[in-house]
Amino acid sequence: MATVFTQQCEGTQAQYEDLANYSLLEGDNNNEWNSHYSAITDCNILIDLASESNPYYRGIGKILKAMNLGLTTDLWGDIPNREAGKGLQGEEFFSSAYDAQELVYQDIQTLLSEAVTDLSKSEDANTILPGTDDLIFNGDASKWIITAHILRARYENHLSKRDPMGSATRALAAIDDAVAAGMAGSDSDCNAIFPGDGNSLNQWYAFNNDRQDYIKMGEFFVDLLKSIDDPRLTFYASEDGNGGYSGTPLGSIVTSTSDVGAYFASPSSSAPLATYVEAKFIEAEAAMRSNDKMRAAAAHNEAIKAHILQVTGAPAPDDYIMAQANESDASITMDKIMTHKYVALFTQVEVYSDWRRTNIPQLTPNPGGLVSGIPRRLPTTQEERLYNSKAPSPSITNILLPVWWDE
């Protein structure tokens, strides 16, 4: 959904054609809402079961809860939070109250700070230590701490419209904390892991196979990669029907174009959740807002080079570095930072959050869209309207209405 809105991909059939045409009604995102709250409920259960006796498990649960709360509030704005997932405690929680996004963001930062405290305790403080049941880090508490700091930086950075300088200062402090905790490269990336068989297939791969031609690469994105001769193009996109690489034009339903490529859509491809490359781009943007252009340029250059090495398995070509990753304090701009972040964070919802905050890259809305611009949120779901007496009334149906941090 996020890739379609930001024109990295194009919806070409069924509900994804509707999505590309900005047809997004209250019944169209029940599944996403329910999936998010299923995850949040599982996190609450883990946090409660872990208790004081197992601070590592509790810390992991708080990080995953913060990540899911962030994803949910960034898409819907005000959401159930403090009363969410407590239905087992009694009927008074069957209809969860909605909290303002500003409060949700405060609670996200509290969860992440508490998680760092929990995960910083000695192993002896735990009755049971996480191990192979931790599919992401195999129980490595230090890497979870790095993830918490990256997420702290992400959610501070989202407040760039609300508090440009303050959010930049806090985001940079969180990045510094991640470095102090050991972040030095992509080996500490937090990725969703897919073993690659049965019900454990990478979800882009499964989607491409089960719903062939529903989503294709977008023309805007492919043309951008071609215009800078980006070495990641052949990893991001599969060959099209003519043996080349192409994207479907905005508003078109052409399906002879490229699919999402093997790097993100093979059976066992991992899916990035919070990464070193994202952290470096956050550092670049926040430093730019703080007028530390030298730091911004250095972080920008490092992010590009690190990601190309990660994706292609080889260092970026010298001519590419000279053209795209050789910025100085005199040449770095916010447009360069956010455009390259848009390229590097392909398939991630963060691209949609970034575009809403910065309007970079500048995107032309689908001229055939059912609303007059690119959607900026998801509507209140039908099930919430029907079954949660505390849901917004009237329901939020205007998908051009910004969420709080986007106002």
Protein backbone atom coordinates (compact mmCIF):
# COMPACT_ATOMS: atom_id res chain seq x y z
CA MET A 1 0.00 0.00 0.00
CA ALA A 2 2.76 2.43 0.95
CA THR A 3 4.77 1.63 -2.17
CA VAL A 4 1.74 2.33 -4.37
CA PHE A 5 1.00 5.67 -2.69
CA THR A 6 4.64 6.73 -3.10
CA GLN A 7 4.83 5.45 -6.71
CA GLN A 8 7.61 2.96 -6.10
CA CYS A 9 5.08 0.41 -7.32
CA GLU A 10 1.83 0.64 -9.25
CA GLY A 11 -1.40 -1.20 -8.51
CA THR A 12 -2.60 -2.86 -11.70
CA GLN A 13 -5.35 -5.36 -10.82
CA ALA A 14 -8.15 -6.00 -8.32
CA GLN A 15 -8.00 -4.07 -5.03
CA TYR A 16 -4.54 -2.73 -5.85
CA GLU A 17 -5.85 -1.06 -8.98
CA ASP A 18 -8.46 0.52 -6.69
CA LEU A 19 -5.68 1.60 -4.36
CA ALA A 20 -3.73 3.19 -7.20
CA ASN A 21 -6.91 5.11 -8.06
CA TYR A 22 -7.18 6.28 -4.43
CA SER A 23 -10.36 4.28 -3.80
CA LEU A 24 -9.94 3.52 -0.11
CA LEU A 25 -13.12 2.95 1.89
CA GLU A 26 -13.82 1.91 5.46
CA GLY A 27 -14.10 -1.78 4.59
CA ASP A 28 -10.81 -1.89 2.71
CA ASN A 29 -8.39 -1.86 5.63
CA ASN A 30 -10.01 -4.03 8.30
CA ASN A 31 -7.40 -6.74 7.80
CA GLU A 32 -4.48 -4.37 8.28
CA TRP A 33 -6.01 -2.89 11.42
CA ASN A 34 -6.73 -6.33 12.89
CA SER A 35 -3.23 -7.58 12.05
CA HIS A 36 -1.64 -4.63 13.83
CA TYR A 37 -3.74 -5.10 16.95
CA SER A 38 -3.18 -8.84 16.96
CA ALA A 39 0.53 -8.08 17.10
CA ILE A 40 0.10 -5.41 19.79
CA THR A 41 -1.97 -7.86 21.87
CA ASP A 42 0.75 -10.52 21.53
CA CYS A 43 3.31 -7.96 22.68
CA ASN A 44 1.19 -7.10 25.71
CA ILE A 45 0.97 -10.80 26.59
CA LEU A 46 4.75 -11.20 26.29
CA ILE A 47 5.40 -8.12 28.41
CA ASP A 48 3.02 -9.33 31.13
CA LEU A 49 4.31 -12.91 31.14
CA ALA A 50 7.95 -11.80 31.23
CA SER A 51 7.41 -9.44 34.18
CA GLU A 52 10.33 -8.37 36.38
CA SER A 53 11.77 -11.89 36.28
CA ASN A 54 12.65 -11.75 32.59
CA PRO A 55 13.68 -8.22 31.61
CA TYR A 56 15.17 -9.30 28.25
CA TYR A 57 11.89 -10.79 27.05
CA ARG A 58 10.02 -7.81 28.45
CA GLY A 59 12.35 -5.39 26.67
CA ILE A 60 11.95 -7.21 23.36
CA GLY A 61 8.17 -7.12 23.79
CA LYS A 62 8.25 -3.38 24.44
CA ILE A 63 10.34 -2.72 21.32
CA LEU A 64 8.01 -4.77 19.14
CA LYS A 65 4.97 -3.09 20.69
CA ALA A 66 6.47 0.35 20.07
CA MET A 67 7.18 -0.58 16.45
CA ASN A 68 3.62 -1.79 15.90
CA LEU A 69 2.08 1.21 17.66
CA GLY A 70 4.20 3.48 15.50
CA LEU A 71 3.11 1.76 12.32
CA THR A 72 -0.54 1.93 13.35
CA THR A 73 -0.65 5.56 14.46
CA ASP A 74 1.35 6.71 11.43
CA LEU A 75 -1.37 5.28 9.19
CA TRP A 76 -4.52 6.09 11.18
CA GLY A 77 -3.58 8.99 13.47
CA ASP A 78 -5.41 8.76 16.82
CA ILE A 79 -5.71 5.08 17.80
CA PRO A 80 -6.58 2.84 20.76
CA ASN A 81 -3.44 2.60 22.85
CA ARG A 82 -3.60 2.58 26.63
CA GLU A 83 -6.80 0.52 26.66
CA ALA A 84 -5.94 -1.63 23.62
CA GLY A 85 -5.49 -5.37 23.94
CA LYS A 86 -6.99 -5.56 27.41
CA GLY A 87 -10.26 -7.30 26.58
CA LEU A 88 -9.40 -10.28 28.77
CA GLN A 89 -9.44 -7.94 31.78
CA GLY A 90 -13.16 -7.28 31.52
CA GLU A 91 -16.03 -5.74 29.61
CA GLU A 92 -14.93 -2.17 30.37
CA PHE A 93 -12.11 -2.73 27.86
CA PHE A 94 -14.22 -4.26 25.09
CA SER A 95 -14.48 -0.81 23.51
CA SER A 96 -11.02 0.71 23.64
CA ALA A 97 -10.69 4.49 23.94
CA TYR A 98 -8.74 6.34 21.27
CA ASP A 99 -5.66 8.27 22.38
CA ALA A 100 -4.36 11.36 20.60
CA GLN A 101 -1.40 10.67 18.33
CA GLU A 102 0.75 13.04 20.37
CA LEU A 103 0.12 10.90 23.46
CA VAL A 104 0.76 7.68 21.50
CA TYR A 105 4.13 9.07 20.44
CA GLN A 106 5.00 9.88 24.04
CA ASP A 107 4.10 6.32 25.03
CA ILE A 108 6.21 4.91 22.19
CA GLN A 109 9.26 6.77 23.49
CA THR A 110 8.53 5.56 27.03
CA LEU A 111 8.31 1.95 25.84
CA LEU A 112 11.64 2.27 24.02
CA SER A 113 13.41 3.89 26.98
CA GLU A 114 12.07 1.21 29.32
CA ALA A 115 13.19 -1.46 26.87
CA VAL A 116 16.76 -0.14 26.89
CA THR A 117 16.72 -0.27 30.70
CA ASP A 118 15.41 -3.86 30.68
CA LEU A 119 17.90 -5.06 28.08
CA SER A 120 20.83 -3.36 29.81
CA LYS A 121 20.45 -5.56 32.90
CA SER A 122 22.80 -8.46 33.48
CA GLU A 123 21.98 -11.92 32.17
CA ASP A 124 21.74 -13.06 35.78
CA ALA A 125 18.68 -10.86 36.22
CA ASN A 126 16.71 -13.18 33.91
CA THR A 127 15.04 -16.43 34.88
CA ILE A 128 14.94 -17.46 31.22
CA LEU A 129 17.17 -16.04 28.49
CA PRO A 130 15.93 -15.57 24.91
CA GLY A 131 17.66 -17.84 22.39
CA THR A 132 16.66 -19.36 19.08
CA ASP A 133 13.05 -18.43 19.84
CA ASP A 134 14.18 -14.88 19.09
CA LEU A 135 14.08 -15.20 15.29
CA ILE A 136 15.63 -11.78 14.72
CA PHE A 137 18.69 -11.63 17.00
CA ASN A 138 18.88 -15.05 18.68
CA GLY A 139 18.69 -13.45 22.09
CA ASP A 140 21.44 -10.84 21.55
CA ALA A 141 20.30 -8.08 23.91
CA SER A 142 22.89 -5.60 22.62
CA LYS A 143 21.37 -5.65 19.13
CA TRP A 144 17.89 -5.12 20.51
CA ILE A 145 19.22 -2.06 22.34
CA ILE A 146 20.56 -0.67 19.07
CA THR A 147 17.15 -1.27 17.48
CA ALA A 148 15.46 0.63 20.30
CA HIS A 149 17.71 3.64 19.74
CA ILE A 150 17.12 3.60 15.97
CA LEU A 151 13.37 3.56 16.61
CA ARG A 152 13.73 6.41 19.11
CA ALA A 153 15.43 8.40 16.37
CA ARG A 154 12.76 7.46 13.81
CA TYR A 155 9.86 8.63 15.91
CA GLU A 156 11.60 11.81 17.01
CA ASN A 157 12.38 12.52 13.35
CA HIS A 158 8.72 12.11 12.42
CA LEU A 159 8.03 15.29 14.39
CA SER A 160 9.99 17.44 11.92
CA LYS A 161 6.91 19.50 11.02
CA ARG A 162 5.83 19.95 14.62
CA ASP A 163 9.23 20.76 16.14
CA PRO A 164 11.96 21.03 13.49
CA MET A 165 14.90 21.85 15.72
CA GLY A 166 13.89 19.97 18.85
CA SER A 167 13.08 16.78 16.96
CA ALA A 168 16.41 17.01 15.13
CA THR A 169 18.35 17.40 18.38
CA ARG A 170 16.58 14.44 19.98
CA ALA A 171 16.95 12.27 16.87
CA LEU A 172 20.69 12.93 16.72
CA ALA A 173 21.02 12.10 20.42
CA ALA A 174 19.28 8.77 19.79
CA ILE A 175 21.63 8.04 16.88
CA ASP A 176 24.59 8.83 19.12
CA ASP A 177 23.18 6.39 21.68
CA ALA A 178 22.89 3.70 18.99
CA VAL A 179 26.54 4.22 18.04
CA ALA A 180 27.58 4.09 21.68
CA ALA A 181 25.63 0.82 21.98
CA GLY A 182 27.65 -0.70 19.15
CA MET A 183 25.93 0.27 15.88
CA ALA A 184 28.68 0.29 13.28
CA GLY A 185 27.12 -1.30 10.21
CA SER A 186 24.33 -3.47 8.86
CA ASP A 187 25.22 -6.49 11.01
CA SER A 188 22.93 -5.11 13.71
CA ASP A 189 19.93 -4.55 11.42
CA CYS A 190 16.53 -5.56 12.73
CA ASN A 191 14.91 -7.62 9.97
CA ALA A 192 11.81 -9.77 9.75
CA ILE A 193 13.10 -13.28 9.05
CA PHE A 194 11.47 -15.70 6.60
CA PRO A 195 12.84 -19.27 6.54
CA GLY A 196 11.46 -19.64 3.02
CA ASP A 197 9.18 -22.66 3.09
CA GLY A 198 5.58 -23.58 3.86
CA ASN A 199 3.91 -20.75 5.74
CA SER A 200 7.24 -19.02 6.26
CA LEU A 201 7.68 -17.47 2.81
CA ASN A 202 8.82 -13.90 2.35
CA GLN A 203 5.59 -11.95 1.89
CA TRP A 204 6.58 -10.09 -1.28
CA TYR A 205 7.50 -13.43 -2.87
CA ALA A 206 4.24 -15.02 -1.72
CA PHE A 207 2.28 -12.03 -2.99
CA ASN A 208 3.96 -12.10 -6.41
CA ASN A 209 3.09 -15.78 -6.72
CA ASP A 210 -0.43 -15.77 -5.30
CA ARG A 211 -1.57 -12.46 -6.80
CA GLN A 212 0.47 -12.21 -9.96
CA ASP A 213 0.13 -8.87 -11.75
CA TYR A 214 -1.71 -7.16 -8.88
CA ILE A 215 1.34 -4.94 -8.24
CA LYS A 216 4.16 -4.03 -10.63
CA MET A 217 7.15 -1.76 -10.32
CA GLY A 218 6.24 1.91 -10.80
CA GLU A 219 7.48 3.91 -13.76
CA PHE A 220 8.48 6.92 -11.63
CA PHE A 221 10.71 4.80 -9.41
CA VAL A 222 12.32 2.73 -12.17
CA ASP A 223 12.99 5.86 -14.24
CA LEU A 224 14.60 7.51 -11.20
CA LEU A 225 16.94 4.53 -10.74
CA LYS A 226 17.79 4.56 -14.43
CA SER A 227 18.45 8.31 -14.43
CA ILE A 228 21.23 7.92 -11.85
CA ASP A 229 22.48 4.60 -13.25
CA ASP A 230 21.79 2.97 -9.91
CA PRO A 231 23.43 -0.47 -9.47
CA ARG A 232 20.51 -1.64 -7.32
CA LEU A 233 17.99 -1.59 -10.17
CA THR A 234 18.56 -5.20 -11.22
CA PHE A 235 18.18 -6.32 -7.60
CA TYR A 236 15.08 -4.20 -6.94
CA ALA A 237 13.24 -5.23 -10.10
CA SER A 238 12.88 -8.39 -12.15
CA GLU A 239 13.24 -8.42 -15.92
CA ASP A 240 10.13 -7.27 -17.74
CA GLY A 241 8.47 -8.97 -20.71
CA ASN A 242 11.09 -7.54 -23.06
CA GLY A 243 14.12 -8.57 -21.04
CA GLY A 244 14.71 -5.09 -19.66
CA TYR A 245 13.55 -3.17 -16.59
CA SER A 246 10.46 -1.00 -16.64
CA GLY A 247 7.67 0.30 -14.45
CA THR A 248 3.96 0.70 -15.06
CA PRO A 249 2.98 4.33 -15.69
CA LEU A 250 0.84 6.17 -13.15
CA GLY A 251 -2.82 5.29 -13.64
CA SER A 252 -2.05 2.45 -16.06
CA ILE A 253 -2.88 -1.25 -15.73
CA VAL A 254 -0.05 -2.49 -17.98
CA THR A 255 1.35 -5.74 -16.53
CA SER A 256 4.20 -6.51 -18.92
CA THR A 257 6.51 -4.45 -16.71
CA SER A 258 8.90 -5.58 -13.96
CA ASP A 259 7.87 -7.24 -10.71
CA VAL A 260 9.56 -6.49 -7.40
CA GLY A 261 12.92 -8.21 -7.75
CA ALA A 262 14.62 -11.08 -5.98
CA TYR A 263 16.48 -9.05 -3.36
CA PHE A 264 13.19 -8.23 -1.64
CA ALA A 265 11.00 -10.99 -3.09
CA SER A 266 12.76 -14.34 -2.95
CA PRO A 267 11.38 -17.10 -0.68
CA SER A 268 13.79 -16.37 2.19
CA SER A 269 14.50 -12.65 1.70
CA SER A 270 14.43 -10.81 5.00
CA ALA A 271 12.36 -7.64 5.32
CA PRO A 272 14.03 -4.57 6.88
CA LEU A 273 12.36 -3.16 9.98
CA ALA A 274 14.94 -0.81 11.56
CA THR A 275 18.37 -0.62 10.00
CA TYR A 276 21.78 1.03 10.00
CA VAL A 277 21.05 2.62 6.63
CA GLU A 278 17.82 4.16 7.92
CA ALA A 279 19.71 5.44 10.95
CA LYS A 280 22.34 7.12 8.77
CA PHE A 281 19.68 8.83 6.66
CA ILE A 282 17.89 10.00 9.82
CA GLU A 283 21.24 11.36 11.00
CA ALA A 284 21.72 13.15 7.67
CA GLU A 285 18.26 14.74 7.74
CA ALA A 286 18.39 15.74 11.40
CA ALA A 287 21.91 17.16 11.02
CA MET A 288 20.71 19.15 8.02
CA ARG A 289 17.88 20.64 10.10
CA SER A 290 20.44 21.43 12.80
CA ASN A 291 22.61 23.21 10.20
CA ASP A 292 25.45 20.72 10.71
CA LYS A 293 25.94 20.23 7.01
CA MET A 294 29.27 18.47 7.34
CA ARG A 295 27.72 15.75 9.49
CA ALA A 296 24.72 15.60 7.15
CA ALA A 297 26.93 15.06 4.12
CA ALA A 298 29.05 12.39 5.79
CA ALA A 299 26.00 10.43 6.98
CA HIS A 300 24.33 10.72 3.57
CA ASN A 301 27.41 9.43 1.74
CA GLU A 302 27.87 6.54 4.16
CA ALA A 303 24.20 5.50 3.93
CA ILE A 304 24.33 5.22 0.15
CA LYS A 305 27.61 3.31 0.06
CA ALA A 306 26.57 0.95 2.86
CA HIS A 307 23.26 0.13 1.21
CA ILE A 308 24.71 -0.54 -2.23
CA LEU A 309 27.26 -2.89 -0.69
CA GLN A 310 24.52 -4.62 1.28
CA VAL A 311 22.19 -5.07 -1.72
CA THR A 312 24.65 -5.85 -4.51
CA GLY A 313 27.44 -7.50 -2.53
CA ALA A 314 29.99 -5.16 -4.07
CA PRO A 315 31.15 -1.60 -3.35
CA ALA A 316 29.44 1.16 -5.28
CA PRO A 317 31.19 1.97 -8.58
CA ASP A 318 33.58 4.91 -8.36
CA ASP A 319 31.66 6.96 -10.90
CA TYR A 320 28.44 6.41 -8.96
CA ILE A 321 30.10 7.53 -5.73
CA MET A 322 31.45 10.63 -7.41
CA ALA A 323 28.00 11.51 -8.76
CA GLN A 324 25.76 10.50 -5.84
CA ALA A 325 27.73 9.86 -2.65
CA ASN A 326 30.45 12.49 -2.65
CA GLU A 327 28.59 15.36 -1.02
CA SER A 328 30.25 18.03 1.10
CA ASP A 329 28.91 20.66 3.45
CA ALA A 330 28.72 22.97 0.43
CA SER A 331 26.78 20.58 -1.83
CA ILE A 332 24.49 18.57 0.44
CA THR A 333 20.78 19.39 0.28
CA MET A 334 17.64 18.03 1.91
CA ASP A 335 16.36 17.02 -1.51
CA LYS A 336 19.42 14.82 -2.10
CA ILE A 337 19.13 13.20 1.34
CA MET A 338 15.43 12.41 1.12
CA THR A 339 15.55 11.27 -2.50
CA HIS A 340 18.29 8.77 -1.73
CA LYS A 341 16.47 7.64 1.39
CA TYR A 342 13.42 7.07 -0.82
CA VAL A 343 15.58 4.84 -3.01
CA ALA A 344 17.26 2.94 -0.17
CA LEU A 345 14.11 2.25 1.88
CA PHE A 346 12.22 0.64 -1.00
CA THR A 347 9.37 -1.60 0.29
CA GLN A 348 9.31 0.10 3.71
CA VAL A 349 6.38 2.08 5.12
CA GLU A 350 8.86 4.73 6.27
CA VAL A 351 9.01 6.01 2.68
CA TYR A 352 5.33 6.97 2.97
CA SER A 353 5.90 8.74 6.29
CA ASP A 354 8.89 10.57 4.85
CA TRP A 355 7.01 11.72 1.78
CA ARG A 356 4.17 13.10 3.88
CA ARG A 357 6.62 15.02 6.08
CA THR A 358 8.88 16.43 3.36
CA ASN A 359 7.09 16.20 0.00
CA ILE A 360 10.32 14.65 -1.33
CA PRO A 361 10.39 13.36 -3.95
CA GLN A 362 7.76 15.57 -5.54
CA LEU A 363 5.07 13.23 -6.81
CA THR A 364 2.26 14.00 -9.24
CA PRO A 365 -1.02 12.49 -8.03
CA ASN A 366 -2.83 10.04 -10.29
CA PRO A 367 -4.93 12.34 -12.50
CA GLY A 368 -7.64 9.66 -12.57
CA GLY A 369 -7.72 9.33 -8.81
CA LEU A 370 -11.03 9.48 -6.95
CA VAL A 371 -9.68 12.15 -4.62
CA SER A 372 -7.70 15.24 -5.56
CA GLY A 373 -4.36 14.18 -4.12
CA ILE A 374 -2.28 11.27 -2.83
CA PRO A 375 -3.91 9.84 0.33
CA ARG A 376 -2.30 10.96 3.57
CA ARG A 377 -3.92 8.44 5.94
CA LEU A 378 -6.20 5.41 6.16
CA PRO A 379 -9.89 5.82 7.05
CA THR A 380 -11.53 4.60 10.24
CA THR A 381 -12.21 0.93 9.66
CA GLN A 382 -15.72 -0.40 9.25
CA GLU A 383 -15.38 -2.83 12.15
CA GLU A 384 -14.34 -0.03 14.50
CA ARG A 385 -17.33 2.07 13.43
CA LEU A 386 -19.69 -0.87 13.97
CA TYR A 387 -18.28 -2.46 17.11
CA ASN A 388 -16.23 0.10 19.07
CA SER A 389 -18.50 2.65 20.73
CA LYS A 390 -15.44 4.84 21.39
CA ALA A 391 -14.32 5.02 17.76
CA PRO A 392 -14.32 8.47 16.12
CA SER A 393 -17.83 9.72 15.50
CA PRO A 394 -18.39 10.58 12.77
CA SER A 395 -15.86 8.17 11.26
CA ILE A 396 -12.84 9.65 9.53
CA THR A 397 -13.45 9.06 5.83
CA ASN A 398 -11.35 11.89 4.38
CA ILE A 399 -8.11 10.17 3.32
CA LEU A 400 -6.56 13.55 2.49
CA LEU A 401 -6.79 14.60 6.16
CA PRO A 402 -3.25 14.70 7.61
CA VAL A 403 -2.40 12.89 10.82
CA TRP A 404 -1.22 15.08 13.71
CA TRP A 405 2.49 15.10 12.91
CA ASP A 406 1.73 15.83 9.24
CA GLU A 407 -0.37 18.92 9.95
